[in-house]
Structures are given as C-alpha cells and as structure tokens.
Amino acid sequence: MLSLGCIQARKCNSNDCPVGVTTQDPSLFGALVPEDKSMRVNSYHKNTVDSACQIMGAMGLESATELRPWHLMRRIEAYEIRNFSEIYEYIEAGSLLQKNKPESYARACSLASVESFNAREDIQKVSYLG
C-alpha cells in the first residue's frame, strides 16, 4: 500500500481515500497512475522477497518451506518475546482433513458447511465456552 502511495489516512473503508488507492471515486483515483506505481510496487516486492531470503539464509534455511513457527518471534510485552510455537498450536500438513482434527480447530471445522459461508444452523447456537 505504501509503495502505491498510501499516506495512511485511515479512510480505506469510506471511499474517500485522499490519494486514490482505495476508492472508486474518479475524482480521487485520477492521481493514481498504474504505469508509474507498478514500477514502485514491483521494486518493493522484489526487495521484500530478497530481504526475506537473506534472513532465512542467515537462519540456516535453504527454502521458505523449511520455515516453522519456532523460527519466528513475536513481542508479547515490553520485555517478553516468544516464538510462534509457544503462542499458536502447530499443526501438521493435512491434519485438518483427518477425522480427528487438532483440538483447537475441531469446533470451527464442525461449524463449517459446504453449502454456505454461514455456520451450520444445527450447531450455531452452541456456546463457544464449551
């Protein structure tokens, strides 16, 4: 967004973006010239990917597929940092397709329906507290 010219006016949902990044109003998006901005977006993306590759290389990883939750850190409090495996449950690839799903995902999966984005009506009224 910044490489497109976003000034963080925080009006994204109002259709009044002052620089035309998040609006459908022709009087506002006229200043947004895709031909010019595309070069900036491409450069930003390339540099972001290059930086991520350098960081992963410094971690001893050869590919992003080797990245795991314990490789990433998050500041919890001013003086507390934890890796993501200490914060979130790590689930193996394909585990959500199994009959016995990880406990932290089981309820959400039981509410899912292939017919609708709404939670299944027969389970919808069940308390989230258990």
N, C-alpha and C. Protein backbone atom coordinates (compact mmCIF):
# COMPACT_ATOMS: atom_id res chain seq x y z
N MET A 1 0.83 -1.18 0.00
CA MET A 1 0.00 0.00 0.00
C MET A 1 0.88 1.25 0.00
N LEU A 2 1.94 1.24 0.79
CA LEU A 2 2.81 2.41 0.82
C LEU A 2 3.50 2.63 -0.53
N SER A 3 3.88 1.55 -1.19
CA SER A 3 4.53 1.71 -2.48
C SER A 3 3.58 2.23 -3.55
N LEU A 4 2.27 2.07 -3.32
CA LEU A 4 1.27 2.65 -4.23
C LEU A 4 1.04 4.14 -3.95
N GLY A 5 1.47 4.60 -2.79
CA GLY A 5 1.29 6.00 -2.43
C GLY A 5 0.40 6.21 -1.23
N CYS A 6 0.03 5.15 -0.54
CA CYS A 6 -0.82 5.27 0.65
C CYS A 6 -0.16 6.17 1.68
N ILE A 7 -0.93 7.11 2.21
CA ILE A 7 -0.42 8.01 3.25
C ILE A 7 -1.00 7.67 4.61
N GLN A 8 -1.65 6.53 4.70
CA GLN A 8 -2.24 6.02 5.93
C GLN A 8 -3.22 7.02 6.54
N ALA A 9 -4.12 7.53 5.71
CA ALA A 9 -5.15 8.45 6.17
C ALA A 9 -6.26 7.71 6.92
N ARG A 10 -6.23 6.38 6.85
CA ARG A 10 -7.18 5.52 7.54
C ARG A 10 -8.63 5.78 7.11
N LYS A 11 -8.80 5.96 5.80
CA LYS A 11 -10.13 6.16 5.23
C LYS A 11 -10.42 5.07 4.18
N CYS A 12 -9.76 3.95 4.30
CA CYS A 12 -9.85 2.88 3.30
C CYS A 12 -11.28 2.40 3.06
N ASN A 13 -12.07 2.35 4.11
CA ASN A 13 -13.42 1.80 4.00
C ASN A 13 -14.47 2.87 3.70
N SER A 14 -14.05 4.11 3.46
CA SER A 14 -15.02 5.20 3.29
C SER A 14 -15.20 5.64 1.84
N ASN A 15 -14.40 5.10 0.93
CA ASN A 15 -14.40 5.51 -0.48
C ASN A 15 -13.93 6.96 -0.63
N ASP A 16 -13.22 7.48 0.37
CA ASP A 16 -12.69 8.83 0.35
C ASP A 16 -11.18 8.87 0.49
N CYS A 17 -10.49 7.85 0.02
CA CYS A 17 -9.03 7.81 0.12
C CYS A 17 -8.45 9.04 -0.58
N PRO A 18 -7.73 9.90 0.15
CA PRO A 18 -7.26 11.15 -0.44
C PRO A 18 -6.24 10.99 -1.56
N VAL A 19 -5.58 9.84 -1.64
CA VAL A 19 -4.61 9.63 -2.72
C VAL A 19 -5.12 8.65 -3.77
N GLY A 20 -6.35 8.18 -3.62
CA GLY A 20 -6.96 7.35 -4.65
C GLY A 20 -6.62 5.88 -4.64
N VAL A 21 -5.95 5.41 -3.61
CA VAL A 21 -5.55 4.00 -3.56
C VAL A 21 -6.76 3.09 -3.32
N THR A 22 -7.64 3.46 -2.41
CA THR A 22 -8.77 2.60 -2.04
C THR A 22 -10.11 3.29 -2.29
N THR A 23 -10.31 3.75 -3.50
CA THR A 23 -11.57 4.42 -3.81
C THR A 23 -12.03 4.08 -5.22
N GLN A 24 -13.31 4.22 -5.44
CA GLN A 24 -13.88 4.05 -6.78
C GLN A 24 -14.30 5.41 -7.34
N ASP A 25 -14.04 6.48 -6.59
CA ASP A 25 -14.41 7.83 -6.98
C ASP A 25 -13.42 8.34 -8.03
N PRO A 26 -13.87 8.57 -9.29
CA PRO A 26 -12.97 9.00 -10.36
C PRO A 26 -12.21 10.29 -10.04
N SER A 27 -12.81 11.17 -9.27
CA SER A 27 -12.11 12.43 -8.94
C SER A 27 -10.94 12.20 -7.98
N LEU A 28 -10.95 11.07 -7.28
CA LEU A 28 -9.87 10.77 -6.34
C LEU A 28 -8.83 9.82 -6.92
N PHE A 29 -9.27 8.83 -7.69
CA PHE A 29 -8.27 7.87 -8.17
C PHE A 29 -7.56 8.36 -9.43
N GLY A 30 -7.88 9.54 -9.91
CA GLY A 30 -7.21 10.09 -11.09
C GLY A 30 -5.71 10.28 -10.89
N ALA A 31 -5.31 10.55 -9.66
CA ALA A 31 -3.89 10.77 -9.37
C ALA A 31 -3.10 9.46 -9.31
N LEU A 32 -3.81 8.35 -9.22
CA LEU A 32 -3.15 7.05 -9.14
C LEU A 32 -2.87 6.56 -10.56
N VAL A 33 -1.61 6.63 -10.96
CA VAL A 33 -1.20 6.25 -12.31
C VAL A 33 -0.55 4.86 -12.24
N PRO A 34 -1.31 3.82 -12.63
CA PRO A 34 -0.78 2.44 -12.50
C PRO A 34 0.55 2.22 -13.21
N GLU A 35 0.75 2.85 -14.33
CA GLU A 35 2.01 2.66 -15.07
C GLU A 35 3.21 3.11 -14.24
N ASP A 36 3.04 4.20 -13.49
CA ASP A 36 4.13 4.70 -12.64
C ASP A 36 4.25 3.88 -11.36
N LYS A 37 3.13 3.62 -10.74
CA LYS A 37 3.13 2.92 -9.46
C LYS A 37 3.55 1.46 -9.59
N SER A 38 3.29 0.85 -10.73
CA SER A 38 3.63 -0.56 -10.90
C SER A 38 5.13 -0.79 -10.74
N MET A 39 5.94 0.16 -11.17
CA MET A 39 7.39 0.02 -11.02
C MET A 39 7.77 0.06 -9.53
N ARG A 40 7.12 0.94 -8.78
CA ARG A 40 7.40 1.05 -7.35
C ARG A 40 6.95 -0.21 -6.61
N VAL A 41 5.77 -0.71 -6.95
CA VAL A 41 5.25 -1.92 -6.31
C VAL A 41 6.16 -3.10 -6.62
N ASN A 42 6.57 -3.22 -7.87
CA ASN A 42 7.46 -4.32 -8.28
C ASN A 42 8.79 -4.23 -7.52
N SER A 43 9.35 -3.05 -7.42
CA SER A 43 10.62 -2.87 -6.72
C SER A 43 10.47 -3.21 -5.23
N TYR A 44 9.38 -2.74 -4.62
CA TYR A 44 9.13 -3.02 -3.20
C TYR A 44 9.01 -4.53 -2.98
N HIS A 45 8.23 -5.19 -3.83
CA HIS A 45 8.04 -6.64 -3.68
C HIS A 45 9.36 -7.38 -3.85
N LYS A 46 10.12 -7.03 -4.87
CA LYS A 46 11.41 -7.69 -5.11
C LYS A 46 12.34 -7.52 -3.91
N ASN A 47 12.42 -6.30 -3.39
CA ASN A 47 13.30 -6.05 -2.24
C ASN A 47 12.81 -6.77 -0.99
N THR A 48 11.50 -6.87 -0.80
CA THR A 48 10.95 -7.60 0.35
C THR A 48 11.30 -9.08 0.26
N VAL A 49 11.12 -9.67 -0.92
CA VAL A 49 11.46 -11.08 -1.12
C VAL A 49 12.95 -11.31 -0.92
N ASP A 50 13.79 -10.42 -1.48
CA ASP A 50 15.24 -10.55 -1.31
C ASP A 50 15.63 -10.50 0.16
N SER A 51 15.03 -9.57 0.91
CA SER A 51 15.34 -9.45 2.34
C SER A 51 14.91 -10.69 3.10
N ALA A 52 13.72 -11.21 2.78
CA ALA A 52 13.24 -12.43 3.44
C ALA A 52 14.18 -13.59 3.16
N CYS A 53 14.65 -13.70 1.94
CA CYS A 53 15.58 -14.78 1.58
C CYS A 53 16.90 -14.65 2.34
N GLN A 54 17.38 -13.42 2.49
CA GLN A 54 18.62 -13.20 3.24
C GLN A 54 18.44 -13.59 4.71
N ILE A 55 17.31 -13.21 5.29
CA ILE A 55 17.05 -13.55 6.70
C ILE A 55 16.95 -15.07 6.87
N MET A 56 16.22 -15.74 5.96
CA MET A 56 16.09 -17.19 6.07
C MET A 56 17.44 -17.87 5.86
N GLY A 57 18.26 -17.33 4.96
CA GLY A 57 19.61 -17.87 4.76
C GLY A 57 20.45 -17.73 6.02
N ALA A 58 20.34 -16.59 6.70
CA ALA A 58 21.07 -16.36 7.95
C ALA A 58 20.60 -17.31 9.04
N MET A 59 19.35 -17.79 8.92
CA MET A 59 18.81 -18.75 9.89
C MET A 59 19.24 -20.17 9.55
N GLY A 60 19.91 -20.34 8.42
CA GLY A 60 20.35 -21.67 8.02
C GLY A 60 19.32 -22.43 7.20
N LEU A 61 18.30 -21.74 6.72
CA LEU A 61 17.26 -22.38 5.92
C LEU A 61 17.57 -22.20 4.44
N GLU A 62 17.28 -23.22 3.67
CA GLU A 62 17.51 -23.15 2.23
C GLU A 62 16.26 -22.79 1.45
N SER A 63 15.10 -22.88 2.08
CA SER A 63 13.84 -22.64 1.39
C SER A 63 12.79 -22.19 2.38
N ALA A 64 11.81 -21.42 1.90
CA ALA A 64 10.71 -20.98 2.76
C ALA A 64 9.90 -22.16 3.27
N THR A 65 9.93 -23.28 2.57
CA THR A 65 9.19 -24.46 3.02
C THR A 65 9.76 -25.04 4.32
N GLU A 66 11.00 -24.67 4.66
CA GLU A 66 11.62 -25.14 5.90
C GLU A 66 11.25 -24.26 7.09
N LEU A 67 10.62 -23.13 6.85
CA LEU A 67 10.24 -22.20 7.90
C LEU A 67 9.17 -22.81 8.80
N ARG A 68 9.38 -22.77 10.10
CA ARG A 68 8.45 -23.32 11.08
C ARG A 68 8.11 -22.26 12.13
N PRO A 69 7.06 -22.46 12.91
CA PRO A 69 6.65 -21.46 13.90
C PRO A 69 7.76 -21.09 14.89
N TRP A 70 8.63 -22.01 15.23
CA TRP A 70 9.69 -21.73 16.20
C TRP A 70 10.80 -20.87 15.60
N HIS A 71 10.77 -20.61 14.30
CA HIS A 71 11.73 -19.71 13.67
C HIS A 71 11.31 -18.25 13.77
N LEU A 72 10.05 -18.00 14.08
CA LEU A 72 9.52 -16.64 14.09
C LEU A 72 9.22 -16.19 15.51
N MET A 73 9.63 -14.98 15.82
CA MET A 73 9.45 -14.44 17.17
C MET A 73 8.43 -13.31 17.16
N ARG A 74 7.74 -13.14 18.30
CA ARG A 74 6.76 -12.07 18.43
C ARG A 74 6.90 -11.44 19.82
N ARG A 75 6.91 -10.13 19.84
CA ARG A 75 6.96 -9.42 21.12
C ARG A 75 5.58 -9.48 21.74
N ILE A 76 5.48 -10.01 22.95
CA ILE A 76 4.22 -10.16 23.67
C ILE A 76 4.00 -8.95 24.58
N GLU A 77 5.03 -8.59 25.29
CA GLU A 77 5.02 -7.45 26.22
C GLU A 77 6.32 -6.69 25.99
N ALA A 78 6.50 -5.60 26.69
CA ALA A 78 7.70 -4.79 26.51
C ALA A 78 8.99 -5.61 26.68
N TYR A 79 8.97 -6.56 27.63
CA TYR A 79 10.17 -7.34 27.90
C TYR A 79 9.96 -8.83 27.70
N GLU A 80 8.97 -9.21 26.92
CA GLU A 80 8.70 -10.63 26.70
C GLU A 80 8.55 -10.92 25.22
N ILE A 81 9.35 -11.86 24.76
CA ILE A 81 9.31 -12.29 23.36
C ILE A 81 9.16 -13.80 23.35
N ARG A 82 8.27 -14.30 22.51
CA ARG A 82 8.06 -15.74 22.37
C ARG A 82 8.08 -16.12 20.90
N ASN A 83 8.43 -17.37 20.65
CA ASN A 83 8.33 -17.82 19.27
C ASN A 83 6.89 -18.28 19.02
N PHE A 84 6.51 -18.35 17.77
CA PHE A 84 5.12 -18.62 17.42
C PHE A 84 4.65 -20.01 17.88
N SER A 85 5.56 -20.95 18.05
CA SER A 85 5.12 -22.27 18.53
C SER A 85 4.74 -22.22 20.00
N GLU A 86 5.17 -21.19 20.71
CA GLU A 86 4.76 -21.01 22.11
C GLU A 86 3.42 -20.27 22.21
N ILE A 87 3.01 -19.63 21.12
CA ILE A 87 1.79 -18.84 21.11
C ILE A 87 0.65 -19.58 20.42
N TYR A 88 0.96 -20.21 19.29
CA TYR A 88 -0.05 -20.88 18.48
C TYR A 88 0.24 -22.36 18.37
N GLU A 89 -0.79 -23.14 18.24
CA GLU A 89 -0.63 -24.58 18.06
C GLU A 89 -0.10 -24.85 16.64
N TYR A 90 0.93 -25.64 16.55
CA TYR A 90 1.48 -26.03 15.25
C TYR A 90 0.75 -27.29 14.80
N ILE A 91 0.22 -27.26 13.60
CA ILE A 91 -0.48 -28.44 13.09
C ILE A 91 0.24 -28.95 11.85
N GLU A 92 0.26 -30.23 11.70
CA GLU A 92 0.92 -30.86 10.57
C GLU A 92 0.10 -30.65 9.29
N ALA A 93 0.77 -30.63 8.17
CA ALA A 93 0.09 -30.50 6.88
C ALA A 93 -0.92 -31.64 6.73
N GLY A 94 -2.11 -31.31 6.31
CA GLY A 94 -3.16 -32.30 6.08
C GLY A 94 -3.95 -32.69 7.31
N SER A 95 -3.56 -32.19 8.48
CA SER A 95 -4.24 -32.62 9.71
C SER A 95 -5.69 -32.14 9.79
N LEU A 96 -6.03 -31.07 9.09
CA LEU A 96 -7.43 -30.60 9.11
C LEU A 96 -8.32 -31.44 8.21
N LEU A 97 -7.73 -32.31 7.41
CA LEU A 97 -8.50 -33.20 6.55
C LEU A 97 -8.81 -34.52 7.23
N GLN A 98 -8.21 -34.77 8.38
CA GLN A 98 -8.40 -36.02 9.11
C GLN A 98 -9.69 -35.98 9.93
N LYS A 99 -10.19 -37.16 10.29
CA LYS A 99 -11.40 -37.24 11.11
C LYS A 99 -11.17 -36.61 12.48
N ASN A 100 -10.07 -36.96 13.14
CA ASN A 100 -9.72 -36.39 14.44
C ASN A 100 -8.83 -35.17 14.21
N LYS A 101 -9.43 -34.01 14.25
CA LYS A 101 -8.73 -32.76 13.99
C LYS A 101 -8.04 -32.26 15.25
N PRO A 102 -7.04 -31.39 15.10
CA PRO A 102 -6.43 -30.78 16.29
C PRO A 102 -7.51 -30.09 17.12
N GLU A 103 -7.42 -30.22 18.43
CA GLU A 103 -8.47 -29.74 19.32
C GLU A 103 -8.83 -28.27 19.10
N SER A 104 -7.81 -27.43 18.87
CA SER A 104 -8.07 -26.00 18.73
C SER A 104 -8.83 -25.65 17.45
N TYR A 105 -8.90 -26.57 16.50
CA TYR A 105 -9.61 -26.32 15.24
C TYR A 105 -10.90 -27.13 15.12
N ALA A 106 -11.09 -28.10 15.97
CA ALA A 106 -12.22 -29.04 15.84
C ALA A 106 -13.57 -28.34 15.83
N ARG A 107 -13.80 -27.39 16.74
CA ARG A 107 -15.10 -26.73 16.81
C ARG A 107 -15.38 -25.92 15.56
N ALA A 108 -14.40 -25.14 15.11
CA ALA A 108 -14.59 -24.33 13.91
C ALA A 108 -14.88 -25.22 12.70
N CYS A 109 -14.19 -26.33 12.60
CA CYS A 109 -14.43 -27.25 11.48
C CYS A 109 -15.82 -27.87 11.57
N SER A 110 -16.29 -28.14 12.79
CA SER A 110 -17.61 -28.74 12.93
C SER A 110 -18.71 -27.77 12.54
N LEU A 111 -18.45 -26.47 12.63
CA LEU A 111 -19.42 -25.45 12.25
C LEU A 111 -19.46 -25.20 10.74
N ALA A 112 -18.43 -25.61 10.05
CA ALA A 112 -18.33 -25.33 8.62
C ALA A 112 -19.36 -26.11 7.81
N SER A 113 -19.78 -25.49 6.71
CA SER A 113 -20.75 -26.12 5.82
C SER A 113 -20.34 -25.89 4.38
N VAL A 114 -20.44 -26.91 3.55
CA VAL A 114 -20.10 -26.75 2.13
C VAL A 114 -21.17 -25.98 1.37
N GLU A 115 -22.35 -25.87 1.96
CA GLU A 115 -23.46 -25.19 1.28
C GLU A 115 -23.48 -23.68 1.51
N SER A 116 -22.81 -23.20 2.56
CA SER A 116 -22.95 -21.80 2.92
C SER A 116 -21.73 -21.30 3.68
N PHE A 117 -21.52 -19.99 3.64
CA PHE A 117 -20.47 -19.38 4.46
C PHE A 117 -20.94 -19.19 5.89
N ASN A 118 -22.24 -19.35 6.14
CA ASN A 118 -22.78 -19.23 7.49
C ASN A 118 -22.53 -20.53 8.25
N ALA A 119 -22.41 -20.41 9.57
CA ALA A 119 -22.23 -21.60 10.39
C ALA A 119 -23.46 -22.49 10.28
N ARG A 120 -23.24 -23.79 10.39
CA ARG A 120 -24.37 -24.72 10.33
C ARG A 120 -25.40 -24.36 11.38
N GLU A 121 -26.65 -24.32 10.99
CA GLU A 121 -27.72 -23.90 11.90
C GLU A 121 -27.90 -24.83 13.09
N ASP A 122 -27.70 -26.14 12.89
CA ASP A 122 -27.92 -27.08 13.99
C ASP A 122 -26.87 -26.96 15.08
N ILE A 123 -25.74 -26.35 14.79
CA ILE A 123 -24.67 -26.22 15.77
C ILE A 123 -24.47 -24.76 16.18
N GLN A 124 -24.98 -23.86 15.40
CA GLN A 124 -24.74 -22.43 15.56
C GLN A 124 -25.05 -21.92 16.97
N LYS A 125 -26.05 -22.46 17.62
CA LYS A 125 -26.48 -21.93 18.92
C LYS A 125 -25.69 -22.50 20.10
N VAL A 126 -24.75 -23.39 19.81
CA VAL A 126 -23.92 -23.98 20.86
C VAL A 126 -22.98 -22.90 21.40
N SER A 127 -22.84 -22.84 22.70
CA SER A 127 -21.99 -21.83 23.34
C SER A 127 -20.54 -22.03 22.95
N TYR A 128 -19.82 -20.93 22.75
CA TYR A 128 -18.39 -21.01 22.45
C TYR A 128 -17.59 -21.37 23.69
N LEU A 129 -18.20 -21.33 24.82
CA LEU A 129 -17.48 -21.64 26.05
C LEU A 129 -17.45 -23.14 26.35
N GLY A 130 -18.07 -23.93 25.51
CA GLY A 130 -17.98 -25.35 25.73
C GLY A 130 -19.31 -25.93 25.92
